[in-house]
Protein backbone atom coordinates (compact mmCIF):
# COMPACT_ATOMS: atom_id res chain seq x y z
CA MET A 1 9.63 17.49 -17.55
CA VAL A 2 7.97 15.43 -14.79
CA PRO A 3 5.09 13.36 -16.17
CA GLU A 4 1.73 13.73 -14.51
CA HIS A 5 -0.56 10.76 -14.35
CA GLY A 6 -4.33 10.66 -14.24
CA PRO A 7 -6.94 12.91 -15.85
CA ALA A 8 -5.92 16.52 -16.36
CA SER A 9 -9.30 17.68 -15.10
CA PRO A 10 -12.40 15.91 -13.83
CA ALA A 11 -15.04 15.36 -16.46
CA GLY A 12 -18.65 16.23 -15.82
CA ALA A 13 -18.18 18.16 -12.58
CA ALA A 14 -17.45 21.87 -12.77
CA PRO A 15 -15.78 23.40 -9.69
CA ARG A 16 -18.40 25.81 -8.34
CA HIS A 17 -16.31 27.35 -5.59
CA THR A 18 -13.69 26.65 -2.95
CA VAL A 19 -14.45 26.56 0.76
CA SER A 20 -11.74 27.47 3.25
CA VAL A 21 -12.03 25.24 6.33
CA PRO A 22 -10.10 26.74 9.29
CA PHE A 23 -8.99 24.51 12.15
CA THR A 24 -7.53 25.09 15.61
CA ALA A 25 -6.29 22.31 17.87
CA GLY A 26 -3.94 21.48 20.69
CA GLY A 27 -0.79 19.41 20.37
CA THR A 28 1.70 21.50 18.45
CA GLY A 29 5.42 21.64 17.89
CA PRO A 30 8.31 19.79 16.24
CA ALA A 31 8.49 16.01 16.31
CA PRO A 32 10.60 13.24 14.79
CA LEU A 33 9.19 11.10 12.00
CA THR A 34 8.24 7.56 12.94
CA TRP A 35 10.20 4.75 11.26
CA SER A 36 7.30 4.08 8.93
CA GLN A 37 7.02 7.76 8.04
CA GLN A 38 10.75 7.80 7.25
CA TYR A 39 10.24 4.81 4.96
CA TYR A 40 7.33 6.41 3.11
CA LEU A 41 9.11 9.77 2.80
CA ALA A 42 12.04 8.03 1.10
CA GLU A 43 9.63 6.20 -1.23
CA LEU A 44 7.77 9.43 -2.01
CA ASP A 45 11.02 11.26 -2.78
CA ALA A 46 12.08 8.43 -5.11
CA ALA A 47 8.70 8.37 -6.88
CA ARG A 48 8.42 12.15 -7.31
CA PRO A 49 10.76 12.47 -10.34
CA HIS A 50 8.61 9.87 -12.10
CA GLY A 51 5.39 11.82 -11.48
CA ARG A 52 3.84 9.35 -9.04
CA SER A 53 2.17 10.74 -5.94
CA LEU A 54 1.85 7.67 -3.66
CA ALA A 55 -1.47 9.20 -2.61
CA ILE A 56 -4.01 7.00 -0.82
CA THR A 57 -7.55 7.86 -1.89
CA ARG A 58 -11.01 7.33 -0.47
CA LEU A 59 -14.41 8.30 -1.89
CA TYR A 60 -17.01 8.55 0.86
CA PRO A 61 -20.72 8.58 -0.11
CA LEU A 62 -22.49 11.12 2.08
CA ILE A 63 -25.63 10.54 4.12
CA ALA A 64 -28.67 11.83 2.23
CA GLY A 65 -29.41 15.41 3.21
CA THR A 66 -25.86 16.25 4.33
CA ASP A 67 -25.16 19.85 3.42
CA GLU A 68 -21.90 21.59 2.66
CA LYS A 69 -21.51 23.02 6.16
CA GLU A 70 -22.02 19.64 7.83
CA ALA A 71 -19.46 17.97 5.56
CA THR A 72 -16.82 20.66 6.04
CA THR A 73 -17.44 20.69 9.81
CA ALA A 74 -16.71 16.95 9.87
CA LEU A 75 -13.49 17.61 7.94
CA ARG A 76 -12.44 20.33 10.39
CA GLU A 77 -13.06 18.02 13.35
CA LEU A 78 -11.12 15.24 11.60
CA VAL A 79 -8.04 17.42 11.10
CA GLU A 80 -8.25 18.74 14.65
CA ARG A 81 -8.55 15.21 16.05
CA TYR A 82 -5.53 13.67 14.31
CA GLU A 83 -2.09 15.28 14.44
CA SER A 84 -0.82 13.51 11.32
CA LEU A 85 -3.38 15.38 9.17
CA ARG A 86 -2.07 18.80 10.26
CA SER A 87 1.64 18.01 10.17
CA ARG A 88 4.23 19.00 7.58
CA VAL A 89 7.66 17.55 6.97
CA THR A 90 10.71 19.58 7.95
CA ARG A 91 13.78 18.94 5.79
CA THR A 92 16.19 18.82 8.69
CA VAL A 93 18.91 16.19 9.14
CA PRO A 94 17.38 13.76 9.82
CA PRO A 95 13.97 14.87 8.46
CA GLY A 96 11.27 15.60 11.01
CA GLN A 97 7.78 17.05 11.12
CA TYR A 98 5.97 19.97 12.67
CA VAL A 99 2.49 19.55 14.10
CA HIS A 100 0.55 22.77 13.47
CA ARG A 101 -1.96 24.14 15.94
CA GLN A 102 -3.99 25.99 13.36
CA GLY A 103 -4.38 26.42 9.65
CA SER A 104 -6.90 26.22 6.84
CA LEU A 105 -7.80 23.44 4.41
CA ASP A 106 -9.17 24.40 0.99
CA VAL A 107 -12.04 22.21 -0.21
CA ALA A 108 -13.16 22.43 -3.84
CA VAL A 109 -16.92 22.06 -4.30
CA HIS A 110 -17.89 20.48 -7.64
CA GLU A 111 -21.38 20.40 -9.11
CA VAL A 112 -22.45 17.89 -11.76
CA THR A 113 -24.44 19.54 -14.50
CA ALA A 114 -28.13 18.63 -14.47
CA PRO A 115 -29.75 16.35 -15.44
CA ALA A 116 -27.47 13.84 -13.72
CA THR A 117 -28.09 10.21 -12.82
CA ASP A 118 -26.55 8.52 -9.79
CA HIS A 119 -24.04 6.94 -12.16
CA ASP A 120 -23.13 10.36 -13.57
CA VAL A 121 -22.48 11.78 -10.11
CA ARG A 122 -20.34 8.82 -9.03
CA ALA A 123 -18.34 8.89 -12.27
CA ALA A 124 -17.70 12.60 -11.80
CA ALA A 125 -16.70 12.03 -8.18
CA GLU A 126 -14.24 9.30 -9.19
CA ALA A 127 -12.70 11.66 -11.76
CA VAL A 128 -12.33 14.38 -9.12
CA LEU A 129 -10.71 11.86 -6.78
CA ALA A 130 -8.22 10.79 -9.46
CA ASP A 131 -7.37 14.43 -10.08
CA LEU A 132 -6.72 15.00 -6.37
CA ALA A 133 -4.21 12.14 -6.38
CA ARG A 134 -2.51 13.04 -9.66
CA ARG A 135 0.12 15.48 -8.38
CA PRO A 136 2.82 14.46 -5.86
CA PHE A 137 2.40 16.07 -2.45
CA ASP A 138 4.71 18.91 -1.45
CA VAL A 139 5.20 17.50 2.03
CA VAL A 140 6.93 20.66 3.30
CA GLU A 141 4.45 23.30 2.12
CA GLU A 142 1.20 21.37 1.71
CA TRP A 143 -1.19 19.75 4.16
CA PRO A 144 -1.11 15.94 3.82
CA LEU A 145 -4.81 15.90 2.94
CA ARG A 146 -6.64 17.11 -0.17
CA ALA A 147 -10.42 17.26 -0.18
CA ALA A 148 -13.32 17.92 -2.51
CA LEU A 149 -17.11 17.73 -2.37
CA ILE A 150 -19.03 16.49 -5.40
CA GLY A 151 -22.77 16.73 -5.87
CA THR A 152 -25.62 18.38 -7.70
CA GLY A 153 -27.56 21.57 -7.21
CA GLU A 154 -29.37 19.80 -4.37
CA GLY A 155 -26.19 19.43 -2.31
CA PRO A 156 -23.03 17.33 -1.94
CA ARG A 157 -23.21 13.59 -2.54
CA PHE A 158 -19.58 12.50 -2.16
CA LEU A 159 -16.54 13.51 -0.14
CA ALA A 160 -13.29 12.80 -2.02
CA LEU A 161 -10.08 12.63 0.02
CA ALA A 162 -6.47 12.08 -1.06
CA PHE A 163 -3.89 11.51 1.68
CA SER A 164 -0.11 11.69 1.64
CA HIS A 165 1.43 8.31 2.43
CA VAL A 166 3.75 10.06 4.89
CA ALA A 167 0.68 10.84 7.01
CA VAL A 168 -1.29 7.59 6.75
CA ASP A 169 -1.27 4.03 5.50
CA ALA A 170 -4.29 1.88 4.66
CA PHE A 171 -4.82 0.76 8.27
CA ALA A 172 -4.68 4.36 9.49
CA LEU A 173 -7.68 5.15 7.31
CA LEU A 174 -9.91 2.67 9.16
CA PRO A 175 -10.42 4.97 12.19
CA VAL A 176 -10.66 7.91 9.77
CA GLY A 177 -13.51 6.13 7.99
CA ALA A 178 -15.22 5.34 11.30
CA PHE A 179 -14.88 8.99 12.34
CA LEU A 180 -16.54 10.21 9.13
CA VAL A 181 -19.27 7.55 9.20
CA ALA A 182 -20.22 8.78 12.68
CA ARG A 183 -20.70 12.29 11.29
CA CYS A 184 -21.55 12.53 7.60
CA ALA A 185 -20.52 9.50 5.53
CA ARG A 186 -22.97 6.75 4.61
CA ALA A 187 -20.26 4.08 4.56
CA ASP A 188 -16.53 3.46 4.52
CA PRO A 189 -15.55 2.47 0.96
CA VAL A 190 -13.01 -0.04 2.34
CA ALA A 191 -14.60 -2.40 4.84
CA ARG A 192 -12.73 -3.09 8.05
CA THR A 193 -11.02 -6.49 8.39
CA ALA A 194 -10.54 -6.37 12.17
CA PRO A 195 -12.32 -4.71 15.09
CA GLY A 196 -11.07 -1.49 16.59
CA CYS A 197 -9.41 -1.26 19.98
CA ALA A 198 -10.59 0.31 23.23
CA VAL A 199 -7.04 1.41 24.07
CA GLU A 200 -6.39 5.05 23.17
CA ALA A 201 -4.31 5.25 20.01
CA LEU A 202 -0.93 6.93 19.89
CA GLN A 203 -0.42 10.18 18.01
CA PRO A 204 2.66 10.37 15.72
CA ARG A 205 4.81 12.20 18.28
CA GLU A 206 4.01 9.61 20.94
CA LEU A 207 4.77 6.73 18.57
CA ALA A 208 8.08 8.31 17.54
CA GLU A 209 9.03 8.73 21.20
CA ALA A 210 8.17 5.09 21.89
CA GLU A 211 10.34 3.97 18.97
CA ALA A 212 13.24 6.13 20.15
CA SER A 213 13.17 4.34 23.51
CA ARG A 214 13.53 0.90 21.88
CA THR A 215 16.73 -0.68 20.61
CA PRO A 216 15.90 -2.65 17.45
CA ARG A 217 18.70 -5.19 17.98
CA ARG A 218 16.48 -8.18 17.21
CA ALA A 219 15.21 -6.68 13.96
CA LEU A 220 18.70 -5.70 12.78
CA ARG A 221 20.11 -9.11 13.72
CA HIS A 222 17.37 -10.81 11.68
CA ALA A 223 18.01 -8.43 8.76
CA GLU A 224 21.76 -9.11 8.85
CA GLN A 225 21.24 -12.88 8.77
CA THR A 226 18.97 -12.46 5.75
CA LEU A 227 21.29 -10.05 3.92
CA ARG A 228 24.18 -12.49 4.27
CA ARG A 229 22.10 -15.18 2.50
CA MET A 230 20.31 -12.98 -0.02
CA PRO A 231 21.05 -13.61 -3.72
CA ALA A 232 22.79 -10.83 -5.62
CA ALA A 233 20.63 -8.32 -7.45
CA PRO A 234 20.21 -8.93 -11.19
CA THR A 235 22.24 -6.88 -13.62
CA GLY A 236 20.32 -4.13 -15.36
CA ALA A 237 18.74 -4.52 -18.77
CA GLY A 238 19.44 -0.88 -19.64
CA PRO A 239 17.01 1.97 -20.33
CA SER A 240 13.66 0.95 -21.80
CA ALA A 241 13.28 1.53 -25.53
CA THR A 242 9.73 2.81 -24.97
CA GLY A 243 10.79 5.45 -22.46
CA GLU A 244 8.46 3.96 -19.85
CA ARG A 245 10.79 2.84 -17.11
CA PHE A 246 8.17 1.50 -14.70
CA ARG A 247 5.38 -0.74 -15.95
CA PHE A 248 2.37 -2.20 -14.14
CA LEU A 249 0.72 -5.47 -15.15
CA ARG A 250 -2.67 -6.31 -13.66
CA ARG A 251 -3.87 -9.92 -13.47
CA ARG A 252 -7.06 -11.62 -12.35
CA SER A 253 -7.54 -15.37 -12.71
CA ALA A 254 -10.28 -17.63 -11.38
CA ALA A 255 -7.96 -20.64 -11.71
CA LEU A 256 -5.34 -18.88 -9.59
CA ASP A 257 -7.96 -18.17 -6.91
CA LEU A 258 -9.03 -21.82 -6.81
CA ALA A 259 -5.44 -23.07 -6.69
CA VAL A 260 -4.34 -20.79 -3.85
CA GLY A 261 -7.45 -21.69 -1.84
CA ALA A 262 -6.90 -25.40 -2.42
CA VAL A 263 -3.22 -25.37 -1.40
CA ALA A 264 -4.07 -23.32 1.69
CA ALA A 265 -6.81 -25.78 2.66
CA ARG A 266 -4.52 -28.76 2.11
CA THR A 267 -1.51 -27.40 4.01
CA GLY A 268 -3.42 -25.62 6.77
CA GLU A 269 -1.49 -22.42 6.04
CA SER A 270 -2.81 -19.03 4.96
CA PRO A 271 -3.34 -17.92 1.34
CA ALA A 272 -0.70 -15.26 2.03
CA SER A 273 1.86 -17.97 2.82
CA VAL A 274 0.87 -19.90 -0.31
CA LEU A 275 1.32 -16.85 -2.55
CA THR A 276 4.60 -15.90 -0.86
CA ALA A 277 5.94 -19.44 -1.32
CA ALA A 278 5.01 -19.30 -5.00
CA VAL A 279 6.89 -16.01 -5.43
CA LEU A 280 9.95 -17.55 -3.77
CA ALA A 281 9.70 -20.74 -5.84
CA VAL A 282 9.46 -18.89 -9.16
CA ASP A 283 12.42 -16.67 -8.34
CA ALA A 284 14.49 -19.59 -7.00
CA ALA A 285 13.85 -21.56 -10.20
CA ARG A 286 15.19 -18.63 -12.22
CA SER A 287 18.20 -17.83 -10.03
CA GLY A 288 19.24 -21.33 -8.99
CA GLU A 289 19.97 -19.99 -5.49
CA ARG A 290 19.32 -22.02 -2.35
CA TYR A 291 17.84 -19.18 -0.32
CA GLY A 292 14.89 -17.13 -1.46
CA VAL A 293 14.24 -13.69 -0.02
CA VAL A 294 11.13 -11.53 -0.25
CA GLN A 295 10.22 -8.27 1.41
CA LEU A 296 6.83 -8.54 3.12
CA ILE A 297 4.87 -5.41 3.99
CA SER A 298 4.14 -5.69 7.71
CA ALA A 299 1.25 -3.71 9.21
CA ASN A 300 3.09 -3.45 12.57
CA ARG A 301 -0.12 -2.94 14.55
CA LEU A 302 0.04 -5.74 17.09
CA ARG A 303 0.30 -3.44 20.12
CA PRO A 304 -3.13 -2.16 21.26
CA GLU A 305 -2.07 1.49 21.17
CA THR A 306 -1.21 1.19 17.46
CA VAL A 307 -4.43 -0.50 16.26
CA ASP A 308 -6.33 2.74 15.67
CA ALA A 309 -3.37 5.11 15.33
CA VAL A 310 -3.82 7.55 12.44
CA VAL A 311 -0.20 7.40 11.36
CA PRO A 312 1.58 4.94 9.08
CA CYS A 313 3.04 1.93 10.89
CA SER A 314 3.67 -0.40 7.94
CA GLN A 315 7.18 -1.21 6.73
CA PRO A 316 8.83 -3.98 4.73
CA VAL A 317 10.47 -6.83 6.64
CA LEU A 318 12.89 -9.33 5.11
CA CYS A 319 11.74 -12.95 4.90
CA CYS A 320 14.34 -15.62 4.05
CA VAL A 321 13.43 -19.22 3.17
CA ASP A 322 15.62 -22.23 2.41
CA THR A 323 14.16 -23.68 -0.80
CA ARG A 324 16.52 -26.70 -1.07
CA ASP A 325 14.93 -30.17 -1.24
CA ALA A 326 11.44 -28.86 -0.52
CA SER A 327 8.21 -29.99 -2.12
CA PHE A 328 5.83 -27.11 -2.71
CA ALA A 329 3.73 -28.09 0.31
CA GLU A 330 6.88 -28.13 2.44
CA LEU A 331 7.96 -24.78 0.98
CA VAL A 332 4.60 -23.30 2.00
CA ARG A 333 5.16 -24.52 5.57
CA ARG A 334 8.72 -23.17 5.63
CA THR A 335 7.47 -19.85 4.27
CA ALA A 336 4.77 -19.59 6.93
CA SER A 337 7.37 -20.14 9.68
CA ALA A 338 9.83 -17.71 8.11
CA SER A 339 7.11 -15.08 7.74
CA LEU A 340 6.28 -15.34 11.43
CA ARG A 341 9.97 -14.91 12.29
CA ALA A 342 10.20 -11.85 10.05
CA TYR A 343 7.08 -10.25 11.51
CA GLY A 344 8.20 -11.17 15.03
CA ALA A 345 11.63 -9.56 14.56
CA GLY A 346 9.77 -6.36 13.85
CA PRO A 347 10.66 -3.14 12.06
CA CYS A 348 13.78 -1.05 12.45
CA PRO A 349 14.92 2.48 11.55
CA PRO A 350 15.30 2.72 7.75
CA ALA A 351 18.64 4.54 8.06
CA ALA A 352 20.07 1.77 10.25
CA LEU A 353 18.87 -0.88 7.80
CA ALA A 354 20.38 1.02 4.84
CA GLU A 355 23.71 1.29 6.67
CA LEU A 356 23.66 -2.42 7.44
CA ARG A 357 22.83 -3.28 3.83
CA ALA A 358 25.72 -1.12 2.57
CA THR A 359 28.11 -2.83 4.99
CA VAL A 360 27.09 -6.34 3.91
CA GLU A 361 27.17 -5.35 0.22
CA LYS A 362 30.74 -4.12 0.63
CA GLU A 363 31.79 -7.30 2.44
CA ARG A 364 30.15 -9.61 -0.12
CA GLY A 365 31.07 -7.47 -3.14
CA ILE A 366 27.54 -7.60 -4.58
CA ARG A 367 24.39 -5.49 -4.75
CA LEU A 368 21.51 -6.56 -2.50
CA ASP A 369 18.60 -4.47 -3.77
CA GLY A 370 17.05 -7.17 -5.95
CA ALA A 371 14.62 -8.82 -3.54
CA PRO A 372 10.97 -8.80 -4.66
CA THR A 373 8.32 -7.21 -2.47
CA LEU A 374 4.90 -8.69 -1.69
CA ASN A 375 2.13 -6.52 -0.31
CA TYR A 376 -0.71 -8.91 0.59
CA ARG A 377 -3.83 -6.91 1.44
CA PRO A 378 -6.77 -8.93 2.81
CA ARG A 379 -10.16 -7.24 2.71
CA ALA A 380 -13.24 -7.71 4.91
CA THR A 381 -14.05 -11.12 3.44
CA SER A 382 -11.71 -14.07 2.92
CA LEU A 383 -10.64 -16.10 -0.08
CA PRO A 384 -12.57 -19.41 -0.07
CA LEU A 385 -10.40 -22.31 1.12
CA ARG A 386 -11.45 -25.64 -0.38
CA GLU A 387 -10.19 -28.49 -2.51
CA THR A 388 -10.47 -28.36 -6.27
CA ASP A 389 -9.60 -30.71 -9.12
CA ALA A 390 -8.00 -30.60 -12.54
CA GLU A 391 -11.32 -30.36 -14.38
CA GLU A 392 -12.53 -27.38 -12.33
CA LEU A 393 -9.18 -25.66 -12.82
CA ARG A 394 -9.37 -26.30 -16.58
CA ARG A 395 -12.83 -24.72 -16.81
CA ALA A 396 -11.77 -21.77 -14.66
CA ALA A 397 -8.76 -21.02 -16.87
CA ALA A 398 -10.95 -19.15 -19.35
CA ASP A 399 -12.05 -16.69 -16.65
CA ALA A 400 -8.95 -14.52 -16.58
CA GLU A 401 -7.74 -11.13 -17.74
CA SER A 402 -4.47 -9.22 -17.88
CA ALA A 403 -3.83 -5.57 -18.70
CA TRP A 404 -1.01 -3.07 -18.62
CA VAL A 405 -2.21 -0.16 -16.48
CA ASP A 406 -0.87 2.97 -14.81
CA SER A 407 -0.56 3.59 -11.08
CA VAL A 408 -0.01 6.51 -8.72
CA MET A 409 1.98 4.09 -6.56
CA LEU A 410 5.63 3.43 -7.31
CA TRP A 411 8.02 1.53 -5.06
CA GLN A 412 11.77 1.00 -4.89
CA SER A 413 11.80 -2.69 -5.74
CA ALA A 414 13.03 -4.65 -8.73
CA HIS A 415 9.57 -6.22 -8.84
CA TYR A 416 6.71 -5.44 -6.48
CA LEU A 417 3.57 -7.58 -6.29
CA SER A 418 0.40 -6.23 -4.69
CA ALA A 419 -2.46 -8.62 -3.97
CA ASP A 420 -5.92 -7.39 -3.00
CA VAL A 421 -7.80 -10.41 -1.69
CA ASP A 422 -11.40 -11.10 -0.66
CA ASP A 423 -14.07 -13.73 -1.23
CA SER A 424 -14.33 -12.75 -4.90
CA GLY A 425 -10.68 -13.64 -5.55
CA MET A 426 -7.20 -12.18 -5.85
CA ARG A 427 -6.38 -9.09 -7.88
CA LEU A 428 -2.67 -8.91 -8.61
CA LEU A 429 -0.65 -5.90 -9.72
CA LEU A 430 2.99 -6.45 -10.66
CA GLN A 431 5.33 -3.45 -10.88
CA ILE A 432 8.62 -3.89 -12.71
CA ASP A 433 11.58 -1.63 -13.41
CA THR A 434 12.36 -2.00 -17.12
CA ASP A 435 15.90 -0.76 -16.51
CA VAL A 436 16.32 -4.08 -14.68
CA ARG A 437 13.98 -6.41 -16.59
CA PRO A 438 12.08 -6.04 -19.88
CA ALA A 439 8.28 -5.81 -19.93
CA ARG A 440 7.91 -9.32 -21.35
CA TRP A 441 9.64 -10.63 -18.22
CA ALA A 442 6.60 -9.53 -16.17
CA GLU A 443 4.23 -11.46 -18.44
CA HIS A 444 6.36 -14.62 -18.21
CA TRP A 445 6.83 -14.23 -14.44
CA LEU A 446 3.09 -13.99 -13.73
CA ALA A 447 2.43 -16.89 -16.09
CA ASP A 448 5.02 -19.01 -14.27
CA LEU A 449 3.49 -18.05 -10.92
CA GLU A 450 0.04 -19.12 -12.06
CA ASP A 451 1.29 -22.31 -13.72
CA LEU A 452 3.07 -23.36 -10.54
CA LEU A 453 0.03 -22.73 -8.35
CA THR A 454 -2.46 -24.44 -10.65
CA THR A 455 -0.11 -27.43 -10.98
CA TYR A 456 -0.13 -27.92 -7.22
CA GLY A 457 -3.75 -26.80 -6.81
CA ALA A 458 -5.15 -30.11 -8.02
CA PRO A 459 -4.53 -33.07 -5.65
C-alpha cells in the first residue's frame, strides 16, 4: 500500500460545493518536455511509490470583497494564459506533453463554520492546502493544478493552489503570483527576490524547441570531468528497522546564521558559497577523498526570455572542488569559483547525463550516485553579513531547534540539504535515505556542519 502523507481531510472547513471552471485557449498540440521537466518527471516517478507528491503549494489571501466568480475567473484566465497549466504528460518514448486547447478545472469551495476568527479561517485554509498536496499527481490524466477556495458565509478569503513540479518550479510561480495579485490576490505569499523582465517569456514548447537546437557539449564535458573525480557512493546500510526509508531533519540555529554571515563578510563570498564549502568539508573529512562533489540546484534563468517563463527551468549541476591543502577560507573561495563554472557550463538533457554517468561508472568500476545535493533558496531579504565573536556565538547557541518532520518533497539523493534563507536566518532541511545511512548519521552530520561553521565564524 502506498502511504499518503498529510491530513486525511481539512479540519474546520466543510466543502460546500465544487465549481467547474471551463477554459478555452490557443496554442495546442503535442510538444517535447523541456530538460527540466524531464528531470522533475523522473523525480516524481521515483517519489510516487513512497507516497510523496512533489507538489508546490501557494496560499493566496484574497482582496477583501472578492467573490467566487471573480476568483474563478482569475483562475480561468491564468490557465488560458500559461500553456504549462493546461498540459498533460504523454507516456511516449521519450515522454512528451500535450497542450490542451480547452478543458475544465474543478475548484472545491470550502466554508469555515461560523463563528470563525481570522486565525480559524487561515488554519482551515492551510489544512485544505495540505490536503491538495497530499496525493501524487497523475500527470497523464490530471491537470497539473489543483485549486480550492476557502472562506466564510460572507465569501472566499483564500485561494489554495497545488502545482505539479512537472509544470512549474518556484521561480515559475513568481509571474503566477503577479498575475493573481493583479486580479484577485492581496499578496504573493512568497516575495520576489528579483525584478521581472520586459522580454516576453517562452512557453514550454518554445523552450523545448530552443533546447533541441543547442548542443550541450560544454555541460557534458564539465559533467564528465566531475564524474571522473567523484568519490564512490557509500555502501548501503540496509533497510531501515523502523520501516521509514526516507527521513527529514529540520534545523534552525542562530549561531549557524551568525557564523555563515561572518565567514561570508570576511571572505567576500556569498552565504551560499560558505554553506556549500561547509557541506564539501564535512563530507571530505568523512571520506578522506581529495575532491568533493555536490549537486547544486541551478535556476537556469539567466536568459531574458526565461526570467518569467511559467515552466520549470531548474536542474542540478555538478560542482567539483579540490579540498587538498585548503584552509576553510580558501575552500570557500575555491567553492565560489567552482560553483560559477558549474552554473556557467549549464544544464544538459537528463538522459544524456544518465548515459554518461553509466559509462564512467562502468569504466571506474564504482557507483557514482552518492553526491549530496544542496538547494539554496534565497528569499526577498538577505542573511545579514557581519563579523561576530566567540562570546556572541556562545550566547546564540541556546537559540536553536531540531525536529524530525515529514515532507511532500522527496529527491533521488543520498542526502539532500534544502536551505531557505532570509534576514531572519537559515532554515535547513536534511533528507536522508536510511537504506544508505542510519537516522543518527543525519544528526551527527548537521552537528558537524554547524560545529565547523561556528569554529570558523569567530575571527
